[in-house]
Amino acid sequence: MLGTVSFCGEYCSVIESEDSVEEAINGLIKSNKHKLLIISQTTYSLEKFENIIEKIKADDRLRNIRIEIINTICSATKQRQEETKEIAKQVQTMVIVGGKNSSNSNKLYELAKKYCNNVLFIETEKEIDIKEIEKTKKIGIMAGASTPQKIIERVVEKLRVIC
């Protein structure tokens, strides 16, 4: 993100959530610019990005502003987010496997929490809390894009043993 921001010139605003849209719009209006380019981070939540775009487009103060939208969310990220959403709706417990510092793993975790009441975010099978899982009949698993296959396999194997 810092690399992109460094190329933006005089006016740039980073919108991390819907809560910061109003502040960014106010800044744009004060800047007297008449063009707005919106770019997504490649691992950003597709659902949040779409909500932010809707909020910006709905603001009447921007009716004379030319808005260009570039969605750079990678297809693998989109697919993982869509799958996470669908799986989380159908299970009692959702397990997200990935690095705590991984942007896309964190997005999967946040998304899963919207659709499933019991979501675990783990980096390895050692973090699985047996007490939280043992009574669960239906578990969903999703892993961040950079999670090594071996770790995913160990998580799946441990869950099979527990359940």
N, C-alpha and C. Protein backbone atom coordinates (compact mmCIF):
# COMPACT_ATOMS: atom_id res chain seq x y z
N MET A 1 0.83 -1.19 0.00
CA MET A 1 0.00 0.00 0.00
C MET A 1 0.88 1.26 0.00
N LEU A 2 1.95 1.28 0.78
CA LEU A 2 2.80 2.47 0.83
C LEU A 2 3.40 2.78 -0.53
N GLY A 3 3.73 1.73 -1.29
CA GLY A 3 4.28 1.94 -2.63
C GLY A 3 3.29 2.65 -3.53
N THR A 4 2.04 2.24 -3.48
CA THR A 4 0.99 2.86 -4.29
C THR A 4 0.78 4.30 -3.85
N VAL A 5 0.70 4.54 -2.57
CA VAL A 5 0.47 5.88 -2.03
C VAL A 5 1.58 6.83 -2.47
N SER A 6 2.81 6.34 -2.53
CA SER A 6 3.93 7.21 -2.89
C SER A 6 3.83 7.74 -4.32
N PHE A 7 3.04 7.11 -5.18
CA PHE A 7 2.86 7.56 -6.56
C PHE A 7 1.64 8.45 -6.75
N CYS A 8 0.90 8.73 -5.70
CA CYS A 8 -0.39 9.42 -5.83
C CYS A 8 -0.30 10.93 -5.97
N GLY A 9 0.80 11.52 -5.69
CA GLY A 9 0.90 12.98 -5.84
C GLY A 9 0.36 13.73 -4.65
N GLU A 10 -0.20 14.93 -4.93
CA GLU A 10 -0.63 15.85 -3.87
C GLU A 10 -1.70 15.28 -2.95
N TYR A 11 -2.70 14.70 -3.53
CA TYR A 11 -3.83 14.27 -2.70
C TYR A 11 -4.02 12.76 -2.79
N CYS A 12 -4.07 12.15 -1.63
CA CYS A 12 -4.28 10.72 -1.55
C CYS A 12 -4.96 10.41 -0.23
N SER A 13 -5.87 9.48 -0.26
CA SER A 13 -6.55 9.06 0.96
C SER A 13 -6.64 7.55 0.95
N VAL A 14 -6.28 6.93 2.04
CA VAL A 14 -6.39 5.49 2.17
C VAL A 14 -7.66 5.20 2.96
N ILE A 15 -8.55 4.46 2.33
CA ILE A 15 -9.82 4.09 2.98
C ILE A 15 -9.70 2.64 3.42
N GLU A 16 -9.62 2.43 4.71
CA GLU A 16 -9.45 1.08 5.22
C GLU A 16 -10.78 0.42 5.55
N SER A 17 -11.82 1.24 5.76
CA SER A 17 -13.14 0.69 6.07
C SER A 17 -14.20 1.70 5.65
N GLU A 18 -15.45 1.29 5.72
CA GLU A 18 -16.54 2.18 5.36
C GLU A 18 -16.57 3.41 6.28
N ASP A 19 -16.07 3.26 7.49
CA ASP A 19 -16.06 4.37 8.45
C ASP A 19 -15.18 5.53 8.00
N SER A 20 -14.19 5.27 7.16
CA SER A 20 -13.28 6.34 6.74
C SER A 20 -13.66 6.95 5.38
N VAL A 21 -14.78 6.53 4.80
CA VAL A 21 -15.22 7.07 3.51
C VAL A 21 -15.55 8.55 3.63
N GLU A 22 -16.31 8.92 4.64
CA GLU A 22 -16.74 10.33 4.82
C GLU A 22 -15.53 11.26 4.90
N GLU A 23 -14.54 10.88 5.67
CA GLU A 23 -13.33 11.70 5.81
C GLU A 23 -12.61 11.84 4.47
N ALA A 24 -12.54 10.76 3.70
CA ALA A 24 -11.88 10.80 2.40
C ALA A 24 -12.65 11.70 1.42
N ILE A 25 -13.98 11.61 1.44
CA ILE A 25 -14.79 12.46 0.57
C ILE A 25 -14.62 13.93 0.94
N ASN A 26 -14.62 14.23 2.22
CA ASN A 26 -14.42 15.61 2.67
C ASN A 26 -13.06 16.14 2.20
N GLY A 27 -12.04 15.30 2.28
CA GLY A 27 -10.71 15.69 1.81
C GLY A 27 -10.68 15.94 0.32
N LEU A 28 -11.38 15.11 -0.43
CA LEU A 28 -11.45 15.28 -1.88
C LEU A 28 -12.14 16.59 -2.23
N ILE A 29 -13.24 16.88 -1.58
CA ILE A 29 -13.97 18.12 -1.84
C ILE A 29 -13.11 19.34 -1.53
N LYS A 30 -12.39 19.31 -0.42
CA LYS A 30 -11.51 20.42 -0.05
C LYS A 30 -10.36 20.59 -1.04
N SER A 31 -9.96 19.50 -1.68
CA SER A 31 -8.82 19.56 -2.62
C SER A 31 -9.19 20.22 -3.95
N ASN A 32 -10.49 20.39 -4.20
CA ASN A 32 -10.98 20.95 -5.46
C ASN A 32 -10.60 20.12 -6.68
N LYS A 33 -10.31 18.86 -6.50
CA LYS A 33 -10.02 17.95 -7.62
C LYS A 33 -11.34 17.51 -8.24
N HIS A 34 -11.31 17.19 -9.51
CA HIS A 34 -12.53 16.80 -10.20
C HIS A 34 -12.45 15.38 -10.77
N LYS A 35 -11.42 14.69 -10.36
CA LYS A 35 -11.25 13.29 -10.77
C LYS A 35 -10.94 12.47 -9.53
N LEU A 36 -11.48 11.27 -9.49
CA LEU A 36 -11.26 10.37 -8.36
C LEU A 36 -10.91 9.00 -8.91
N LEU A 37 -9.79 8.48 -8.52
CA LEU A 37 -9.39 7.13 -8.89
C LEU A 37 -9.43 6.29 -7.62
N ILE A 38 -10.17 5.21 -7.68
CA ILE A 38 -10.27 4.30 -6.54
C ILE A 38 -9.62 2.98 -6.94
N ILE A 39 -8.61 2.58 -6.18
CA ILE A 39 -7.88 1.33 -6.45
C ILE A 39 -7.97 0.46 -5.20
N SER A 40 -8.24 -0.82 -5.42
CA SER A 40 -8.30 -1.74 -4.28
C SER A 40 -6.94 -2.40 -4.08
N GLN A 41 -6.66 -2.74 -2.83
CA GLN A 41 -5.48 -3.54 -2.52
C GLN A 41 -5.78 -4.95 -3.03
N THR A 42 -4.79 -5.66 -3.54
CA THR A 42 -5.03 -6.96 -4.16
C THR A 42 -5.65 -7.98 -3.22
N THR A 43 -5.42 -7.85 -1.91
CA THR A 43 -5.96 -8.82 -0.96
C THR A 43 -7.10 -8.27 -0.12
N TYR A 44 -7.64 -7.11 -0.52
CA TYR A 44 -8.71 -6.48 0.25
C TYR A 44 -10.01 -7.27 0.12
N SER A 45 -10.87 -7.13 1.08
CA SER A 45 -12.17 -7.80 1.07
C SER A 45 -13.02 -7.28 -0.09
N LEU A 46 -13.45 -8.18 -0.96
CA LEU A 46 -14.28 -7.80 -2.10
C LEU A 46 -15.59 -7.19 -1.61
N GLU A 47 -16.19 -7.77 -0.60
CA GLU A 47 -17.45 -7.27 -0.06
C GLU A 47 -17.29 -5.85 0.49
N LYS A 48 -16.22 -5.60 1.24
CA LYS A 48 -15.98 -4.26 1.79
C LYS A 48 -15.70 -3.26 0.67
N PHE A 49 -14.92 -3.69 -0.32
CA PHE A 49 -14.60 -2.81 -1.44
C PHE A 49 -15.88 -2.38 -2.16
N GLU A 50 -16.75 -3.34 -2.42
CA GLU A 50 -18.01 -3.03 -3.09
C GLU A 50 -18.88 -2.10 -2.24
N ASN A 51 -18.90 -2.28 -0.93
CA ASN A 51 -19.68 -1.40 -0.04
C ASN A 51 -19.12 0.02 -0.05
N ILE A 52 -17.80 0.13 -0.06
CA ILE A 52 -17.16 1.45 -0.10
C ILE A 52 -17.49 2.15 -1.41
N ILE A 53 -17.41 1.44 -2.51
CA ILE A 53 -17.74 2.00 -3.82
C ILE A 53 -19.18 2.50 -3.84
N GLU A 54 -20.11 1.69 -3.33
CA GLU A 54 -21.52 2.09 -3.28
C GLU A 54 -21.70 3.37 -2.47
N LYS A 55 -21.02 3.44 -1.34
CA LYS A 55 -21.14 4.62 -0.48
C LYS A 55 -20.61 5.87 -1.19
N ILE A 56 -19.51 5.73 -1.88
CA ILE A 56 -18.93 6.86 -2.61
C ILE A 56 -19.85 7.29 -3.75
N LYS A 57 -20.34 6.33 -4.52
CA LYS A 57 -21.22 6.65 -5.65
C LYS A 57 -22.54 7.28 -5.20
N ALA A 58 -22.98 6.96 -4.00
CA ALA A 58 -24.27 7.47 -3.51
C ALA A 58 -24.16 8.90 -2.96
N ASP A 59 -22.96 9.40 -2.79
CA ASP A 59 -22.78 10.73 -2.20
C ASP A 59 -23.03 11.80 -3.26
N ASP A 60 -24.08 12.59 -3.10
CA ASP A 60 -24.46 13.63 -4.06
C ASP A 60 -23.38 14.70 -4.25
N ARG A 61 -22.54 14.89 -3.25
CA ARG A 61 -21.50 15.92 -3.38
C ARG A 61 -20.49 15.57 -4.46
N LEU A 62 -20.49 14.31 -4.91
CA LEU A 62 -19.51 13.87 -5.91
C LEU A 62 -20.10 13.76 -7.31
N ARG A 63 -21.29 14.29 -7.51
CA ARG A 63 -21.97 14.15 -8.81
C ARG A 63 -21.18 14.79 -9.96
N ASN A 64 -20.35 15.78 -9.69
CA ASN A 64 -19.55 16.44 -10.74
C ASN A 64 -18.10 15.95 -10.76
N ILE A 65 -17.84 14.89 -10.03
CA ILE A 65 -16.50 14.32 -9.98
C ILE A 65 -16.46 13.11 -10.91
N ARG A 66 -15.43 13.04 -11.74
CA ARG A 66 -15.25 11.85 -12.59
C ARG A 66 -14.60 10.76 -11.74
N ILE A 67 -15.30 9.63 -11.63
CA ILE A 67 -14.82 8.54 -10.78
C ILE A 67 -14.41 7.36 -11.65
N GLU A 68 -13.18 6.90 -11.43
CA GLU A 68 -12.69 5.70 -12.10
C GLU A 68 -12.38 4.67 -11.02
N ILE A 69 -12.81 3.45 -11.24
CA ILE A 69 -12.61 2.39 -10.25
C ILE A 69 -11.76 1.29 -10.88
N ILE A 70 -10.70 0.93 -10.18
CA ILE A 70 -9.85 -0.17 -10.63
C ILE A 70 -9.83 -1.22 -9.52
N ASN A 71 -10.47 -2.33 -9.80
CA ASN A 71 -10.52 -3.42 -8.82
C ASN A 71 -9.35 -4.35 -9.09
N THR A 72 -8.35 -4.30 -8.22
CA THR A 72 -7.16 -5.14 -8.41
C THR A 72 -7.16 -6.35 -7.49
N ILE A 73 -8.29 -6.62 -6.87
CA ILE A 73 -8.37 -7.81 -6.00
C ILE A 73 -8.15 -9.03 -6.89
N CYS A 74 -7.14 -9.82 -6.57
CA CYS A 74 -6.78 -10.93 -7.45
C CYS A 74 -7.87 -12.00 -7.44
N SER A 75 -7.96 -12.74 -8.54
CA SER A 75 -9.04 -13.72 -8.70
C SER A 75 -8.98 -14.80 -7.63
N ALA A 76 -7.78 -15.21 -7.21
CA ALA A 76 -7.68 -16.23 -6.16
C ALA A 76 -8.23 -15.69 -4.84
N THR A 77 -7.96 -14.42 -4.56
CA THR A 77 -8.49 -13.79 -3.34
C THR A 77 -10.01 -13.73 -3.40
N LYS A 78 -10.55 -13.30 -4.54
CA LYS A 78 -12.00 -13.24 -4.71
C LYS A 78 -12.62 -14.62 -4.48
N GLN A 79 -12.03 -15.62 -5.11
CA GLN A 79 -12.57 -16.97 -5.00
C GLN A 79 -12.53 -17.47 -3.56
N ARG A 80 -11.42 -17.27 -2.87
CA ARG A 80 -11.31 -17.70 -1.47
C ARG A 80 -12.35 -16.99 -0.59
N GLN A 81 -12.55 -15.71 -0.84
CA GLN A 81 -13.53 -14.96 -0.05
C GLN A 81 -14.95 -15.47 -0.31
N GLU A 82 -15.27 -15.72 -1.57
CA GLU A 82 -16.60 -16.23 -1.90
C GLU A 82 -16.82 -17.61 -1.30
N GLU A 83 -15.80 -18.47 -1.38
CA GLU A 83 -15.90 -19.82 -0.81
C GLU A 83 -16.02 -19.76 0.71
N THR A 84 -15.26 -18.87 1.33
CA THR A 84 -15.33 -18.73 2.78
C THR A 84 -16.73 -18.34 3.22
N LYS A 85 -17.30 -17.38 2.53
CA LYS A 85 -18.65 -16.92 2.84
C LYS A 85 -19.65 -18.07 2.73
N GLU A 86 -19.60 -18.82 1.65
CA GLU A 86 -20.55 -19.92 1.44
C GLU A 86 -20.35 -21.05 2.45
N ILE A 87 -19.11 -21.40 2.72
CA ILE A 87 -18.84 -22.48 3.69
C ILE A 87 -19.27 -22.05 5.08
N ALA A 88 -18.91 -20.82 5.48
CA ALA A 88 -19.23 -20.33 6.83
C ALA A 88 -20.73 -20.34 7.10
N LYS A 89 -21.53 -20.15 6.09
CA LYS A 89 -22.99 -20.17 6.24
C LYS A 89 -23.52 -21.57 6.56
N GLN A 90 -22.74 -22.59 6.23
CA GLN A 90 -23.22 -23.97 6.31
C GLN A 90 -22.65 -24.79 7.45
N VAL A 91 -21.75 -24.21 8.24
CA VAL A 91 -21.06 -25.00 9.28
C VAL A 91 -21.29 -24.42 10.67
N GLN A 92 -20.99 -25.23 11.68
CA GLN A 92 -21.08 -24.78 13.07
C GLN A 92 -19.80 -24.10 13.52
N THR A 93 -18.68 -24.56 12.97
CA THR A 93 -17.38 -23.98 13.30
C THR A 93 -16.60 -23.79 12.01
N MET A 94 -15.98 -22.63 11.89
CA MET A 94 -15.14 -22.33 10.73
C MET A 94 -13.72 -22.13 11.22
N VAL A 95 -12.77 -22.79 10.57
CA VAL A 95 -11.36 -22.67 10.92
C VAL A 95 -10.63 -21.97 9.78
N ILE A 96 -10.01 -20.86 10.08
CA ILE A 96 -9.19 -20.14 9.11
C ILE A 96 -7.73 -20.42 9.46
N VAL A 97 -7.00 -20.92 8.49
CA VAL A 97 -5.59 -21.27 8.70
C VAL A 97 -4.75 -20.27 7.92
N GLY A 98 -3.87 -19.57 8.63
CA GLY A 98 -3.01 -18.60 7.95
C GLY A 98 -2.25 -17.77 8.95
N GLY A 99 -1.32 -17.01 8.44
CA GLY A 99 -0.50 -16.15 9.29
C GLY A 99 -1.30 -15.00 9.87
N LYS A 100 -1.05 -14.70 11.12
CA LYS A 100 -1.76 -13.60 11.79
C LYS A 100 -1.45 -12.25 11.15
N ASN A 101 -0.30 -12.15 10.48
CA ASN A 101 0.07 -10.91 9.79
C ASN A 101 -0.32 -10.90 8.32
N SER A 102 -0.97 -11.96 7.87
CA SER A 102 -1.37 -12.06 6.47
C SER A 102 -2.66 -11.29 6.24
N SER A 103 -2.61 -10.34 5.33
CA SER A 103 -3.79 -9.54 5.03
C SER A 103 -4.94 -10.40 4.54
N ASN A 104 -4.66 -11.32 3.60
CA ASN A 104 -5.78 -12.08 3.07
C ASN A 104 -6.32 -13.08 4.08
N SER A 105 -5.49 -13.64 4.95
CA SER A 105 -5.99 -14.55 6.00
C SER A 105 -6.87 -13.78 6.97
N ASN A 106 -6.47 -12.57 7.33
CA ASN A 106 -7.28 -11.74 8.22
C ASN A 106 -8.62 -11.39 7.58
N LYS A 107 -8.62 -11.13 6.28
CA LYS A 107 -9.88 -10.84 5.58
C LYS A 107 -10.80 -12.06 5.61
N LEU A 108 -10.23 -13.26 5.41
CA LEU A 108 -11.04 -14.48 5.47
C LEU A 108 -11.64 -14.66 6.86
N TYR A 109 -10.85 -14.38 7.88
CA TYR A 109 -11.33 -14.50 9.26
C TYR A 109 -12.48 -13.54 9.52
N GLU A 110 -12.31 -12.28 9.13
CA GLU A 110 -13.37 -11.28 9.32
C GLU A 110 -14.64 -11.66 8.56
N LEU A 111 -14.48 -12.15 7.36
CA LEU A 111 -15.62 -12.56 6.55
C LEU A 111 -16.33 -13.76 7.19
N ALA A 112 -15.58 -14.74 7.62
CA ALA A 112 -16.17 -15.94 8.25
C ALA A 112 -16.96 -15.57 9.50
N LYS A 113 -16.46 -14.61 10.27
CA LYS A 113 -17.17 -14.19 11.50
C LYS A 113 -18.54 -13.60 11.21
N LYS A 114 -18.73 -13.06 10.02
CA LYS A 114 -20.02 -12.48 9.66
C LYS A 114 -21.08 -13.56 9.43
N TYR A 115 -20.64 -14.76 9.09
CA TYR A 115 -21.58 -15.81 8.69
C TYR A 115 -21.57 -17.05 9.58
N CYS A 116 -20.65 -17.11 10.52
CA CYS A 116 -20.54 -18.27 11.42
C CYS A 116 -20.25 -17.77 12.82
N ASN A 117 -20.93 -18.34 13.80
CA ASN A 117 -20.78 -17.88 15.19
C ASN A 117 -19.49 -18.34 15.86
N ASN A 118 -18.92 -19.44 15.40
CA ASN A 118 -17.71 -19.96 16.03
C ASN A 118 -16.61 -20.06 14.98
N VAL A 119 -15.68 -19.09 15.01
CA VAL A 119 -14.60 -19.05 14.02
C VAL A 119 -13.27 -19.04 14.75
N LEU A 120 -12.40 -19.94 14.34
CA LEU A 120 -11.05 -20.01 14.90
C LEU A 120 -10.06 -19.54 13.84
N PHE A 121 -9.08 -18.75 14.27
CA PHE A 121 -8.04 -18.28 13.36
C PHE A 121 -6.73 -18.83 13.90
N ILE A 122 -6.16 -19.79 13.19
CA ILE A 122 -4.96 -20.46 13.67
C ILE A 122 -3.85 -20.41 12.63
N GLU A 123 -2.62 -20.54 13.12
CA GLU A 123 -1.48 -20.61 12.20
C GLU A 123 -1.02 -22.05 11.99
N THR A 124 -1.22 -22.89 13.02
CA THR A 124 -0.84 -24.30 12.90
C THR A 124 -1.85 -25.16 13.65
N GLU A 125 -1.74 -26.46 13.45
CA GLU A 125 -2.63 -27.40 14.12
C GLU A 125 -2.47 -27.38 15.64
N LYS A 126 -1.34 -26.91 16.12
CA LYS A 126 -1.08 -26.86 17.57
C LYS A 126 -2.01 -25.88 18.29
N GLU A 127 -2.58 -24.94 17.56
CA GLU A 127 -3.46 -23.92 18.15
C GLU A 127 -4.92 -24.36 18.22
N ILE A 128 -5.24 -25.52 17.71
CA ILE A 128 -6.63 -25.98 17.74
C ILE A 128 -7.03 -26.28 19.18
N ASP A 129 -8.07 -25.63 19.63
CA ASP A 129 -8.61 -25.84 20.97
C ASP A 129 -9.63 -26.97 20.89
N ILE A 130 -9.27 -28.12 21.41
CA ILE A 130 -10.12 -29.31 21.32
C ILE A 130 -11.49 -29.07 21.93
N LYS A 131 -11.54 -28.34 23.04
CA LYS A 131 -12.82 -28.07 23.70
C LYS A 131 -13.78 -27.28 22.82
N GLU A 132 -13.25 -26.39 21.98
CA GLU A 132 -14.09 -25.59 21.09
C GLU A 132 -14.59 -26.40 19.90
N ILE A 133 -13.91 -27.50 19.61
CA ILE A 133 -14.20 -28.24 18.40
C ILE A 133 -14.94 -29.56 18.64
N GLU A 134 -14.68 -30.22 19.75
CA GLU A 134 -15.12 -31.61 19.93
C GLU A 134 -16.63 -31.85 19.79
N LYS A 135 -17.45 -30.87 20.08
CA LYS A 135 -18.90 -31.06 19.96
C LYS A 135 -19.46 -30.60 18.61
N THR A 136 -18.59 -30.09 17.78
CA THR A 136 -19.00 -29.59 16.47
C THR A 136 -19.21 -30.75 15.51
N LYS A 137 -20.34 -30.72 14.82
CA LYS A 137 -20.63 -31.78 13.85
C LYS A 137 -20.21 -31.40 12.43
N LYS A 138 -20.17 -30.12 12.16
CA LYS A 138 -19.84 -29.67 10.81
C LYS A 138 -18.83 -28.54 10.89
N ILE A 139 -17.62 -28.80 10.36
CA ILE A 139 -16.52 -27.83 10.41
C ILE A 139 -16.13 -27.44 8.99
N GLY A 140 -15.89 -26.16 8.80
CA GLY A 140 -15.37 -25.67 7.53
C GLY A 140 -13.95 -25.20 7.72
N ILE A 141 -13.14 -25.36 6.70
CA ILE A 141 -11.74 -24.94 6.76
C ILE A 141 -11.42 -24.11 5.52
N MET A 142 -10.74 -22.99 5.75
CA MET A 142 -10.24 -22.19 4.64
C MET A 142 -8.86 -21.70 5.04
N ALA A 143 -7.98 -21.63 4.06
CA ALA A 143 -6.61 -21.20 4.33
C ALA A 143 -6.27 -19.99 3.49
N GLY A 144 -5.43 -19.13 4.06
CA GLY A 144 -4.93 -17.98 3.33
C GLY A 144 -4.07 -18.43 2.16
N ALA A 145 -3.91 -17.55 1.19
CA ALA A 145 -3.22 -17.89 -0.05
C ALA A 145 -1.78 -18.36 0.15
N SER A 146 -1.11 -17.82 1.15
CA SER A 146 0.30 -18.18 1.34
C SER A 146 0.51 -19.26 2.40
N THR A 147 -0.56 -19.88 2.88
CA THR A 147 -0.44 -20.93 3.88
C THR A 147 0.13 -22.19 3.22
N PRO A 148 1.24 -22.71 3.75
CA PRO A 148 1.83 -23.91 3.15
C PRO A 148 0.88 -25.12 3.19
N GLN A 149 0.88 -25.88 2.13
CA GLN A 149 0.02 -27.06 2.01
C GLN A 149 0.21 -28.03 3.17
N LYS A 150 1.45 -28.22 3.62
CA LYS A 150 1.74 -29.14 4.73
C LYS A 150 0.99 -28.73 6.00
N ILE A 151 0.94 -27.44 6.27
CA ILE A 151 0.24 -26.96 7.47
C ILE A 151 -1.25 -27.24 7.33
N ILE A 152 -1.80 -26.99 6.16
CA ILE A 152 -3.22 -27.25 5.92
C ILE A 152 -3.52 -28.73 6.14
N GLU A 153 -2.67 -29.59 5.60
CA GLU A 153 -2.86 -31.04 5.75
C GLU A 153 -2.82 -31.45 7.22
N ARG A 154 -1.90 -30.88 7.99
CA ARG A 154 -1.81 -31.22 9.42
C ARG A 154 -3.05 -30.76 10.18
N VAL A 155 -3.59 -29.59 9.82
CA VAL A 155 -4.81 -29.10 10.46
C VAL A 155 -5.97 -30.03 10.14
N VAL A 156 -6.11 -30.40 8.88
CA VAL A 156 -7.19 -31.30 8.48
C VAL A 156 -7.08 -32.63 9.21
N GLU A 157 -5.87 -33.17 9.30
CA GLU A 157 -5.66 -34.46 9.96
C GLU A 157 -6.02 -34.37 11.45
N LYS A 158 -5.60 -33.32 12.11
CA LYS A 158 -5.93 -33.17 13.54
C LYS A 158 -7.43 -33.04 13.75
N LEU A 159 -8.09 -32.30 12.88
CA LEU A 159 -9.55 -32.15 13.00
C LEU A 159 -10.26 -33.49 12.78
N ARG A 160 -9.75 -34.30 11.86
CA ARG A 160 -10.33 -35.64 11.64
C ARG A 160 -10.21 -36.50 12.89
N VAL A 161 -9.08 -36.42 13.56
CA VAL A 161 -8.86 -37.21 14.77
C VAL A 161 -9.81 -36.75 15.89
N ILE A 162 -9.96 -35.43 16.04
CA ILE A 162 -10.79 -34.88 17.10
C ILE A 162 -12.27 -35.19 16.85
N CYS A 163 -12.69 -35.03 15.63
CA CYS A 163 -14.12 -35.20 15.32
C CYS A 163 -14.35 -36.63 14.94
